Amino acid sequence: MVIYLDNVYKNIIGRVGLTGLTNIFILLSGFILLPVLTRNLTIEEYGIWVQLGVTTALLSNISVLGLHGSIVRFLGTYSHKKELQEGFYSILFIVLFTGIIISIIFYYFSSQLSTILFDNNIFIARMVPLIVIMIALNAININFFRAFNQIKLYNIFSFSNILLQFVSVYYFVAFGYGIFGATIGLLISQILFFFIMFIPILLRIQFKIPKYKKLKEYLSFSLPLVPTDLYSWLVKLSDRYIIGIILGIAYVGYYSPSYNLSNIILMFSAPINLILFPTLSKHFDNGNFKIVENILKYSLKYFLACSIPSAVLLSLFSKQILLLLTTPDIAMNGYIITPFVTISAVFFGAYGIIVQIIYFKKKTNLLILIWFFAGFLNVILNFILIPHIGILGAGISTLIAYSTAFGITIYYSFKYFKFNIDLFFIIKSIVSTILMTLVIFLIDPCGYSDIIIVTLVSIIVYIISLYLMKGFNTEEFQFLKRIWKL
């Protein structure tokens, strides 16, 4: 039984490790593109680029109808090709139809929306519908591979998507085509990405006109995710709209790079969350509750062990990082929000692990309540705080909203399934982080080479401190040794 459990965990750890490496490459490519954009576009054009991303994220989430979740939840259980064909193409065509309808409506109002969102740039507004349709279809395609735990393919395609975006956008921006070229490059990359993924799917299951037999079942699972995605968008991205309306498009450009630093924290949780949904659903359905409990416990513990010190390091060195990647103007205006958004990312990463209970219990309706409240709170706080303290108000609002969503999620999730949260470990991690921070202040590094050395030293201090305080017990070390030997 012990060997069986260890093999289960080793399989999960292997896939998480592979996904983690992919996420590192994706993250680095995003930061490589950041200086290309910020140093070749005006601050207003960069603000428009940010608003383009925010808008396409919103509309593509609506277009998908939450059916990317249905693909992962249901298609992996099918063993016959006809079932796969029916399920996949039912979802793909519904998403295509919804995307076209939403895009037509947006295009009709593109003139007015360009004034509100894109600093009167009508070309950008009219490109949005095409990009939205392609992003929505690509969300369905890539989750096909996730449904069957084909994590290597999923990671290859994820990396390909980022690489295509980087090459296309870089080409047009670097050669002087500005925000127009960046937008065209984004559209081209999404079209190419669609065919790269769709061809292997077509070769595997072939094409078939669907009869939409199980569409009701898919939608009953996925539709509660639509308002959830919308309210989640209110928390994650609506602040850009509010900043643009109240302060102007330039301040969107100041705010976004600092906010994006929090993605480094999510690098630790993204690979875990990607694997957890299909894995936990399978073990929960099979009655392997002890495995589910241990996976959740270890996932949260190891995420917090990495994310808590990382949030502090990013907060301390955010100005220097932004000076390296962007412009002095962006760095001096934006670094102040980094502590708030990185701590928010810690809450969101922990939420992503605990919310798996709601997913495998099929209680997705609860997510509407959670994110409605958090989204409403974020919007209200943004309108109250931004006029008085600028983009700092948006950072504070984000932290309050994410911590609220995290608290509500724990309350509801633990009604259905409980696992042990090691509060003593969290305290030890925080104490170790404080010691690490004191080392940084005592050394007071100057220059990028000093910062790199001090960062490495502070990480060693954190690890040694956590070890001396027995942050990980003997049983966990033995578990890791068994995993290593298998």
Protein backbone atom coordinates (compact mmCIF):
# COMPACT_ATOMS: atom_id res chain seq x y z
CA MET A 1 0.00 0.00 0.00
CA VAL A 2 2.88 2.38 0.87
CA ILE A 3 4.55 1.66 -2.47
CA TYR A 4 1.25 2.29 -4.29
CA LEU A 5 0.83 5.66 -2.55
CA ASP A 6 4.42 6.66 -3.24
CA ASN A 7 4.03 5.83 -6.91
CA VAL A 8 0.87 7.95 -7.05
CA TYR A 9 2.69 10.89 -5.47
CA LYS A 10 5.79 10.42 -7.58
CA ASN A 11 3.69 10.48 -10.74
CA ILE A 12 2.10 13.74 -9.61
CA ILE A 13 5.43 15.29 -8.60
CA GLY A 14 6.97 14.35 -11.97
CA ARG A 15 4.19 16.00 -13.90
CA VAL A 16 4.19 19.05 -11.63
CA GLY A 17 7.96 19.37 -12.11
CA LEU A 18 7.65 19.24 -15.89
CA THR A 19 4.85 21.79 -15.85
CA GLY A 20 6.83 23.95 -13.46
CA LEU A 21 9.78 24.08 -15.86
CA THR A 22 7.44 25.03 -18.68
CA ASN A 23 5.95 27.80 -16.54
CA ILE A 24 9.43 29.14 -15.83
CA PHE A 25 10.15 29.37 -19.57
CA ILE A 26 6.76 31.00 -20.17
CA LEU A 27 7.35 33.48 -17.37
CA LEU A 28 10.83 34.37 -18.61
CA SER A 29 9.57 34.90 -22.15
CA GLY A 30 6.96 37.31 -20.83
CA PHE A 31 9.61 39.34 -19.03
CA ILE A 32 11.79 39.30 -22.15
CA LEU A 33 8.92 40.80 -24.15
CA LEU A 34 8.20 43.43 -21.48
CA PRO A 35 11.24 45.65 -22.22
CA VAL A 36 10.58 45.30 -25.96
CA LEU A 37 7.10 46.72 -25.45
CA THR A 38 7.83 49.35 -22.81
CA ARG A 39 10.91 50.73 -24.60
CA ASN A 40 9.49 50.71 -28.13
CA LEU A 41 5.97 51.93 -27.38
CA THR A 42 4.93 55.16 -25.73
CA ILE A 43 3.47 54.81 -22.24
CA GLU A 44 0.03 55.45 -23.75
CA GLU A 45 0.52 52.76 -26.38
CA TYR A 46 1.69 50.32 -23.74
CA GLY A 47 -1.42 51.18 -21.74
CA ILE A 48 -3.53 50.35 -24.82
CA TRP A 49 -1.71 47.00 -25.13
CA VAL A 50 -2.57 46.21 -21.51
CA GLN A 51 -6.23 47.13 -22.10
CA LEU A 52 -6.23 44.90 -25.19
CA GLY A 53 -5.14 41.94 -23.04
CA VAL A 54 -7.70 42.75 -20.34
CA THR A 55 -10.54 43.03 -22.88
CA THR A 56 -9.72 39.85 -24.80
CA ALA A 57 -9.43 37.96 -21.50
CA LEU A 58 -12.91 39.14 -20.48
CA LEU A 59 -14.64 38.39 -23.79
CA SER A 60 -12.91 35.05 -24.39
CA ASN A 61 -13.90 33.89 -20.89
CA ILE A 62 -17.53 34.65 -21.71
CA SER A 63 -17.26 32.97 -25.12
CA VAL A 64 -15.88 29.73 -23.65
CA LEU A 65 -18.96 29.41 -21.36
CA GLY A 66 -16.82 27.56 -18.83
CA LEU A 67 -16.73 24.57 -21.20
CA HIS A 68 -12.97 24.23 -20.86
CA GLY A 69 -13.78 22.85 -17.42
CA SER A 70 -16.27 20.36 -18.89
CA ILE A 71 -13.61 19.10 -21.29
CA VAL A 72 -11.29 18.27 -18.38
CA ARG A 73 -14.06 16.87 -16.18
CA PHE A 74 -15.81 14.62 -18.72
CA LEU A 75 -13.76 13.82 -21.84
CA GLY A 76 -11.06 11.99 -19.90
CA THR A 77 -13.63 9.41 -18.80
CA TYR A 78 -14.60 8.46 -22.36
CA SER A 79 -12.99 5.42 -23.93
CA HIS A 80 -14.76 5.26 -27.33
CA LYS A 81 -13.83 7.48 -30.23
CA LYS A 82 -17.46 8.33 -31.02
CA GLU A 83 -17.97 9.65 -27.51
CA LEU A 84 -14.82 11.77 -27.82
CA GLN A 85 -15.91 13.12 -31.19
CA GLU A 86 -19.38 13.98 -29.94
CA GLY A 87 -18.11 15.61 -26.75
CA PHE A 88 -15.22 17.60 -28.22
CA TYR A 89 -16.94 18.93 -31.34
CA SER A 90 -20.14 19.76 -29.44
CA ILE A 91 -18.11 21.99 -27.17
CA LEU A 92 -15.90 23.43 -29.93
CA PHE A 93 -18.82 24.49 -32.14
CA ILE A 94 -20.81 25.99 -29.28
CA VAL A 95 -17.77 28.05 -28.27
CA LEU A 96 -17.25 29.14 -31.88
CA PHE A 97 -20.91 30.21 -32.17
CA THR A 98 -20.83 32.10 -28.87
CA GLY A 99 -17.55 33.79 -29.77
CA ILE A 100 -18.94 35.00 -33.09
CA ILE A 101 -22.07 36.45 -31.45
CA ILE A 102 -20.07 38.28 -28.76
CA SER A 103 -17.56 39.53 -31.34
CA ILE A 104 -20.31 40.91 -33.59
CA ILE A 105 -21.78 42.85 -30.68
CA PHE A 106 -18.36 44.23 -29.71
CA TYR A 107 -17.59 45.20 -33.30
CA TYR A 108 -20.92 47.04 -33.59
CA PHE A 109 -19.98 49.21 -30.59
CA SER A 110 -16.27 49.39 -31.42
CA SER A 111 -16.31 53.13 -32.08
CA GLN A 112 -17.67 53.97 -28.64
CA LEU A 113 -15.54 51.32 -26.92
CA SER A 114 -12.37 52.61 -28.57
CA THR A 115 -12.94 55.97 -26.87
CA ILE A 116 -13.50 54.42 -23.45
CA LEU A 117 -10.86 51.68 -23.51
CA PHE A 118 -8.26 52.30 -26.22
CA ASP A 119 -7.59 56.04 -26.24
CA ASN A 120 -9.69 56.48 -29.42
CA ASN A 121 -7.75 53.82 -31.34
CA ILE A 122 -10.51 52.32 -33.53
CA PHE A 123 -8.14 49.87 -35.25
CA ILE A 124 -7.35 48.10 -31.96
CA ALA A 125 -11.04 47.96 -31.05
CA ARG A 126 -11.90 46.31 -34.36
CA MET A 127 -9.14 43.74 -34.02
CA VAL A 128 -10.46 42.57 -30.64
CA PRO A 129 -13.30 40.35 -32.03
CA LEU A 130 -10.94 38.27 -34.18
CA ILE A 131 -8.47 37.78 -31.34
CA VAL A 132 -11.29 36.82 -28.94
CA ILE A 133 -12.60 34.05 -31.21
CA MET A 134 -9.14 32.52 -31.62
CA ILE A 135 -8.30 32.67 -27.89
CA ALA A 136 -11.62 31.00 -27.02
CA LEU A 137 -11.09 28.16 -29.51
CA ASN A 138 -7.51 27.67 -28.34
CA ALA A 139 -8.71 27.35 -24.74
CA ILE A 140 -10.84 24.39 -25.80
CA ASN A 141 -8.10 22.77 -27.88
CA ILE A 142 -5.39 22.89 -25.23
CA ASN A 143 -7.68 21.50 -22.51
CA PHE A 144 -8.30 18.45 -24.69
CA PHE A 145 -4.77 17.32 -23.85
CA ARG A 146 -5.14 18.22 -20.21
CA ALA A 147 -8.29 16.05 -20.01
CA PHE A 148 -6.21 12.97 -20.85
CA ASN A 149 -3.30 13.95 -18.60
CA GLN A 150 -1.07 14.39 -21.64
CA ILE A 151 0.97 16.87 -19.68
CA LYS A 152 4.01 16.74 -21.95
CA LEU A 153 1.92 17.74 -24.95
CA TYR A 154 0.07 20.33 -22.87
CA ASN A 155 3.36 21.87 -21.84
CA ILE A 156 4.78 21.78 -25.36
CA PHE A 157 1.71 23.57 -26.70
CA SER A 158 1.71 26.09 -23.83
CA PHE A 159 5.31 26.92 -24.55
CA SER A 160 4.60 27.08 -28.30
CA ASN A 161 1.82 29.58 -27.69
CA ILE A 162 4.10 31.92 -25.74
CA LEU A 163 6.92 31.49 -28.24
CA LEU A 164 4.65 32.32 -31.18
CA GLN A 165 3.34 35.40 -29.38
CA PHE A 166 6.84 36.54 -28.50
CA VAL A 167 8.25 36.10 -32.02
CA SER A 168 5.24 37.67 -33.78
CA VAL A 169 4.87 40.64 -31.44
CA TYR A 170 8.63 41.21 -31.20
CA TYR A 171 9.00 41.25 -35.01
CA PHE A 172 6.36 43.90 -35.60
CA VAL A 173 7.28 46.08 -32.61
CA ALA A 174 11.04 45.92 -33.10
CA PHE A 175 10.66 46.97 -36.75
CA GLY A 176 8.70 50.06 -35.81
CA TYR A 177 5.08 49.06 -36.39
CA GLY A 178 4.09 50.12 -32.88
CA ILE A 179 0.86 49.12 -31.20
CA PHE A 180 -0.71 48.25 -34.57
CA GLY A 181 2.03 45.73 -35.30
CA ALA A 182 1.88 44.27 -31.79
CA THR A 183 -1.86 43.64 -32.21
CA ILE A 184 -1.45 42.04 -35.63
CA GLY A 185 1.37 39.88 -34.26
CA LEU A 186 -0.89 38.69 -31.44
CA LEU A 187 -3.64 37.71 -33.90
CA ILE A 188 -1.23 35.87 -36.20
CA SER A 189 0.21 33.91 -33.28
CA GLN A 190 -3.26 32.81 -32.13
CA ILE A 191 -4.23 31.63 -35.61
CA LEU A 192 -1.03 29.60 -35.96
CA PHE A 193 -1.47 28.19 -32.47
CA PHE A 194 -4.97 26.97 -33.34
CA PHE A 195 -3.74 24.88 -36.25
CA ILE A 196 -0.72 23.55 -34.34
CA MET A 197 -3.07 22.06 -31.73
CA PHE A 198 -6.07 21.18 -33.88
CA ILE A 199 -4.16 18.98 -36.33
CA PRO A 200 -3.06 16.41 -33.66
CA ILE A 201 -6.63 16.36 -32.29
CA LEU A 202 -8.00 15.79 -35.78
CA LEU A 203 -5.55 12.96 -36.39
CA ARG A 204 -6.56 11.30 -33.11
CA ILE A 205 -10.37 11.48 -33.23
CA GLN A 206 -11.09 12.61 -36.82
CA PHE A 207 -13.86 15.06 -37.67
CA LYS A 208 -17.55 14.52 -37.07
CA ILE A 209 -20.56 16.81 -37.06
CA PRO A 210 -21.85 16.67 -33.47
CA LYS A 211 -25.44 15.97 -32.39
CA TYR A 212 -25.03 17.80 -29.08
CA LYS A 213 -26.34 14.80 -27.11
CA LYS A 214 -24.59 15.63 -23.83
CA LEU A 215 -24.49 19.39 -24.19
CA LYS A 216 -26.98 19.83 -21.35
CA GLU A 217 -24.72 17.86 -19.01
CA TYR A 218 -21.66 19.86 -20.07
CA LEU A 219 -23.42 23.19 -19.65
CA SER A 220 -24.90 22.27 -16.26
CA PHE A 221 -21.33 21.80 -15.03
CA SER A 222 -19.76 24.71 -16.90
CA LEU A 223 -22.30 27.55 -16.84
CA PRO A 224 -21.79 28.24 -13.12
CA LEU A 225 -18.15 28.84 -14.06
CA VAL A 226 -19.09 31.71 -16.42
CA PRO A 227 -20.19 34.20 -13.76
CA THR A 228 -17.35 32.85 -11.65
CA ASP A 229 -14.89 33.75 -14.42
CA LEU A 230 -16.52 37.16 -14.81
CA TYR A 231 -16.35 37.96 -11.12
CA SER A 232 -12.81 36.59 -11.00
CA TRP A 233 -11.99 38.96 -13.87
CA LEU A 234 -13.41 41.82 -11.78
CA VAL A 235 -10.84 41.00 -9.11
CA LYS A 236 -7.89 40.29 -11.41
CA LEU A 237 -8.21 42.79 -14.24
CA SER A 238 -11.03 45.32 -13.81
CA ASP A 239 -8.67 47.66 -11.94
CA ARG A 240 -7.00 48.45 -15.30
CA TYR A 241 -10.32 49.72 -16.66
CA ILE A 242 -10.98 51.80 -13.55
CA ILE A 243 -7.43 53.21 -13.53
CA GLY A 244 -7.80 54.12 -17.21
CA ILE A 245 -11.13 55.86 -16.63
CA ILE A 246 -10.07 57.78 -13.50
CA LEU A 247 -6.35 58.45 -14.02
CA GLY A 248 -5.82 57.96 -17.77
CA ILE A 249 -4.35 55.31 -20.05
CA ALA A 250 -0.73 56.17 -19.07
CA TYR A 251 -1.33 55.03 -15.49
CA VAL A 252 -2.48 51.64 -16.79
CA GLY A 253 1.00 51.38 -18.28
CA TYR A 254 2.60 52.29 -14.93
CA TYR A 255 0.49 49.80 -12.99
CA SER A 256 0.61 46.68 -15.14
CA PRO A 257 4.34 45.72 -15.05
CA SER A 258 4.41 45.89 -11.23
CA TYR A 259 1.24 43.83 -11.07
CA ASN A 260 2.75 41.27 -13.44
CA LEU A 261 5.60 40.62 -11.01
CA SER A 262 3.06 38.69 -8.94
CA ASN A 263 3.00 36.11 -11.74
CA ILE A 264 6.32 34.87 -10.37
CA ILE A 265 4.46 33.73 -7.26
CA LEU A 266 1.83 31.97 -9.38
CA MET A 267 4.67 30.09 -11.07
CA PHE A 268 4.74 27.91 -7.94
CA SER A 269 1.00 27.21 -7.90
CA ALA A 270 0.13 27.01 -11.61
CA PRO A 271 1.71 23.58 -12.27
CA ILE A 272 0.19 22.18 -9.07
CA ASN A 273 -3.31 23.43 -9.89
CA LEU A 274 -3.05 22.16 -13.45
CA ILE A 275 -2.43 18.60 -12.27
CA LEU A 276 -4.73 18.60 -9.24
CA PHE A 277 -8.14 18.89 -10.92
CA PRO A 278 -8.08 15.72 -13.06
CA THR A 279 -5.98 13.80 -10.51
CA LEU A 280 -8.09 14.59 -7.44
CA SER A 281 -11.34 14.02 -9.33
CA LYS A 282 -10.20 10.53 -10.29
CA HIS A 283 -9.07 9.54 -6.79
CA PHE A 284 -12.10 11.08 -5.09
CA ASP A 285 -14.49 9.26 -7.45
CA ASN A 286 -12.63 6.01 -6.66
CA GLY A 287 -12.96 6.58 -2.90
CA ASN A 288 -9.22 7.15 -2.30
CA PHE A 289 -9.91 9.87 0.26
CA LYS A 290 -6.61 9.51 2.11
CA ILE A 291 -4.68 10.12 -1.10
CA VAL A 292 -6.80 13.19 -1.81
CA GLU A 293 -6.18 14.52 1.71
CA ASN A 294 -2.42 14.03 1.51
CA ILE A 295 -2.13 15.55 -1.96
CA LEU A 296 -3.97 18.68 -0.83
CA LYS A 297 -1.96 18.94 2.40
CA TYR A 298 1.45 18.57 0.76
CA SER A 299 0.52 20.80 -2.20
CA LEU A 300 -0.47 23.69 0.06
CA LYS A 301 2.53 23.25 2.34
CA TYR A 302 5.13 23.23 -0.42
CA PHE A 303 3.45 26.14 -2.23
CA LEU A 304 3.56 28.28 0.91
CA ALA A 305 7.17 27.28 1.60
CA CYS A 306 8.14 28.77 -1.79
CA SER A 307 5.68 31.63 -2.14
CA ILE A 308 6.00 33.39 1.24
CA PRO A 309 9.74 34.23 0.95
CA SER A 310 9.38 34.91 -2.79
CA ALA A 311 6.70 37.55 -2.13
CA VAL A 312 9.05 39.35 0.28
CA LEU A 313 12.03 39.18 -2.10
CA LEU A 314 9.97 40.58 -4.98
CA SER A 315 8.64 43.38 -2.77
CA LEU A 316 12.13 44.37 -1.58
CA PHE A 317 13.72 44.37 -5.05
CA SER A 318 10.75 45.40 -7.19
CA LYS A 319 12.15 48.83 -8.09
CA GLN A 320 15.43 47.33 -9.30
CA ILE A 321 13.64 44.61 -11.28
CA LEU A 322 11.38 47.16 -12.96
CA LEU A 323 14.32 49.43 -13.78
CA LEU A 324 15.99 46.47 -15.48
CA LEU A 325 12.92 45.39 -17.45
CA THR A 326 11.07 48.62 -18.21
CA THR A 327 11.78 52.36 -18.05
CA PRO A 328 12.68 54.59 -15.07
CA ASP A 329 9.31 56.32 -15.43
CA ILE A 330 7.39 53.02 -15.07
CA ALA A 331 9.64 51.74 -12.27
CA MET A 332 9.37 54.88 -10.11
CA ASN A 333 5.60 55.12 -10.53
CA GLY A 334 4.76 51.42 -10.24
CA TYR A 335 7.03 49.69 -7.72
CA ILE A 336 5.00 50.82 -4.72
CA ILE A 337 2.14 48.38 -5.44
CA THR A 338 4.35 45.28 -5.61
CA PRO A 339 4.03 44.22 -1.93
CA PHE A 340 0.24 44.28 -2.16
CA VAL A 341 -0.05 42.31 -5.41
CA THR A 342 2.55 39.70 -4.47
CA ILE A 343 0.83 38.95 -1.16
CA SER A 344 -2.43 38.81 -3.12
CA ALA A 345 -0.79 36.20 -5.35
CA VAL A 346 0.06 34.09 -2.29
CA PHE A 347 -3.60 34.11 -1.29
CA PHE A 348 -4.68 33.30 -4.84
CA GLY A 349 -2.21 30.43 -5.17
CA ALA A 350 -3.42 28.92 -1.89
CA TYR A 351 -7.01 29.44 -3.04
CA GLY A 352 -6.24 27.50 -6.23
CA ILE A 353 -5.31 24.44 -4.15
CA ILE A 354 -8.19 24.57 -1.66
CA VAL A 355 -10.83 25.29 -4.33
CA GLN A 356 -10.13 21.85 -5.83
CA ILE A 357 -12.48 20.50 -3.14
CA ILE A 358 -15.34 22.51 -4.63
CA TYR A 359 -14.45 21.25 -8.10
CA PHE A 360 -14.30 17.53 -7.35
CA LYS A 361 -17.43 17.82 -5.20
CA LYS A 362 -19.12 19.46 -8.23
CA LYS A 363 -20.27 22.43 -6.13
CA THR A 364 -19.23 25.01 -8.73
CA ASN A 365 -22.28 27.15 -7.96
CA LEU A 366 -20.49 28.23 -4.78
CA LEU A 367 -17.80 29.90 -6.87
CA ILE A 368 -20.38 32.37 -8.15
CA LEU A 369 -20.99 33.56 -4.60
CA ILE A 370 -17.31 33.70 -3.72
CA TRP A 371 -16.15 35.69 -6.73
CA PHE A 372 -19.26 37.88 -6.93
CA PHE A 373 -18.56 39.14 -3.43
CA ALA A 374 -14.81 39.50 -4.02
CA GLY A 375 -15.34 41.17 -7.42
CA PHE A 376 -17.96 43.57 -6.11
CA LEU A 377 -15.73 44.45 -3.16
CA ASN A 378 -12.74 45.07 -5.44
CA VAL A 379 -14.64 47.37 -7.81
CA ILE A 380 -16.15 49.43 -4.97
CA LEU A 381 -12.79 49.78 -3.23
CA ASN A 382 -11.09 50.78 -6.48
CA PHE A 383 -13.58 53.57 -7.10
CA ILE A 384 -13.15 54.75 -3.51
CA LEU A 385 -9.35 54.51 -3.20
CA ILE A 386 -7.92 55.26 -6.68
CA PRO A 387 -9.14 58.90 -6.83
CA HIS A 388 -7.42 59.59 -3.47
CA ILE A 389 -4.18 57.53 -3.52
CA GLY A 390 -3.80 56.58 -7.20
CA ILE A 391 -2.64 53.14 -8.32
CA LEU A 392 -1.67 52.29 -4.73
CA GLY A 393 -5.42 52.13 -4.07
CA ALA A 394 -5.76 49.49 -6.76
CA GLY A 395 -3.03 47.40 -5.10
CA ILE A 396 -4.71 47.62 -1.69
CA SER A 397 -8.10 46.74 -3.22
CA THR A 398 -6.58 43.69 -4.89
CA LEU A 399 -5.13 42.41 -1.63
CA ILE A 400 -8.42 42.81 0.26
CA ALA A 401 -10.40 41.11 -2.52
CA TYR A 402 -8.08 38.09 -2.83
CA SER A 403 -7.80 37.54 0.91
CA THR A 404 -11.60 37.71 1.15
CA ALA A 405 -12.05 35.15 -1.65
CA PHE A 406 -9.51 32.88 0.07
CA GLY A 407 -11.30 33.08 3.42
CA ILE A 408 -14.73 32.34 1.97
CA THR A 409 -13.33 29.43 -0.05
CA ILE A 410 -11.84 27.78 3.05
CA TYR A 411 -15.15 28.17 4.89
CA TYR A 412 -17.22 26.45 2.19
CA SER A 413 -14.64 23.88 1.04
CA PHE A 414 -14.07 22.51 4.52
CA LYS A 415 -17.79 21.88 4.88
CA TYR A 416 -17.41 19.11 2.28
CA PHE A 417 -13.88 17.80 2.75
CA LYS A 418 -11.25 18.67 5.34
CA PHE A 419 -7.51 18.24 5.30
CA ASN A 420 -4.86 19.35 7.73
CA ILE A 421 -3.45 22.86 7.25
CA ASP A 422 -0.17 23.04 9.14
CA LEU A 423 -0.50 26.41 10.89
CA PHE A 424 2.74 25.88 12.84
CA PHE A 425 4.59 25.44 9.55
CA ILE A 426 3.15 28.73 8.25
CA ILE A 427 4.38 30.50 11.39
CA LYS A 428 7.84 28.91 10.97
CA SER A 429 7.92 29.98 7.33
CA ILE A 430 7.04 33.57 8.26
CA VAL A 431 9.69 33.65 11.02
CA SER A 432 12.30 32.27 8.59
CA THR A 433 11.28 34.92 6.06
CA ILE A 434 11.73 37.65 8.69
CA LEU A 435 15.25 36.37 9.43
CA MET A 436 15.97 36.31 5.70
CA THR A 437 14.76 39.91 5.43
CA LEU A 438 17.00 41.05 8.29
CA VAL A 439 20.00 39.62 6.45
CA ILE A 440 19.07 41.65 3.36
CA PHE A 441 18.74 44.88 5.36
CA LEU A 442 22.04 44.26 7.17
CA ILE A 443 23.94 43.74 3.91
CA ASP A 444 22.02 46.47 2.04
CA PRO A 445 23.04 45.43 -1.50
CA CYS A 446 23.78 47.98 -4.23
CA GLY A 447 23.86 47.04 -7.89
CA TYR A 448 22.44 44.04 -9.69
CA SER A 449 25.35 41.68 -9.00
CA ASP A 450 25.10 42.41 -5.26
CA ILE A 451 21.34 41.84 -5.34
CA ILE A 452 21.77 38.45 -7.00
CA ILE A 453 24.36 37.34 -4.44
CA VAL A 454 22.32 38.61 -1.48
CA THR A 455 19.19 36.94 -2.84
CA LEU A 456 20.99 33.59 -2.99
CA VAL A 457 22.38 34.08 0.53
CA SER A 458 18.95 35.03 1.88
CA ILE A 459 17.37 31.93 0.33
CA ILE A 460 20.02 29.76 2.03
CA VAL A 461 19.28 31.53 5.33
CA TYR A 462 15.57 30.85 4.85
CA ILE A 463 16.11 27.15 4.12
CA ILE A 464 18.50 26.65 7.06
CA SER A 465 16.17 28.50 9.42
CA LEU A 466 13.17 26.44 8.29
CA TYR A 467 15.20 23.24 8.71
CA LEU A 468 16.39 24.14 12.21
CA MET A 469 12.81 24.92 13.24
CA LYS A 470 11.77 21.52 11.82
CA GLY A 471 9.43 23.00 9.25
CA PHE A 472 9.37 19.59 7.59
CA ASN A 473 9.13 16.57 9.88
CA THR A 474 10.96 13.24 9.66
CA GLU A 475 8.00 11.51 8.04
CA GLU A 476 7.99 14.03 5.20
CA PHE A 477 11.74 13.68 4.63
CA GLN A 478 11.35 9.89 4.53
CA PHE A 479 8.49 10.29 2.09
CA LEU A 480 10.66 12.39 -0.21
CA LYS A 481 13.51 9.86 0.05
CA ARG A 482 11.14 7.02 -0.93
CA ILE A 483 9.85 9.06 -3.85
CA TRP A 484 13.42 9.73 -5.01
CA LYS A 485 14.30 6.01 -4.93
CA LEU A 486 11.21 4.85 -6.86
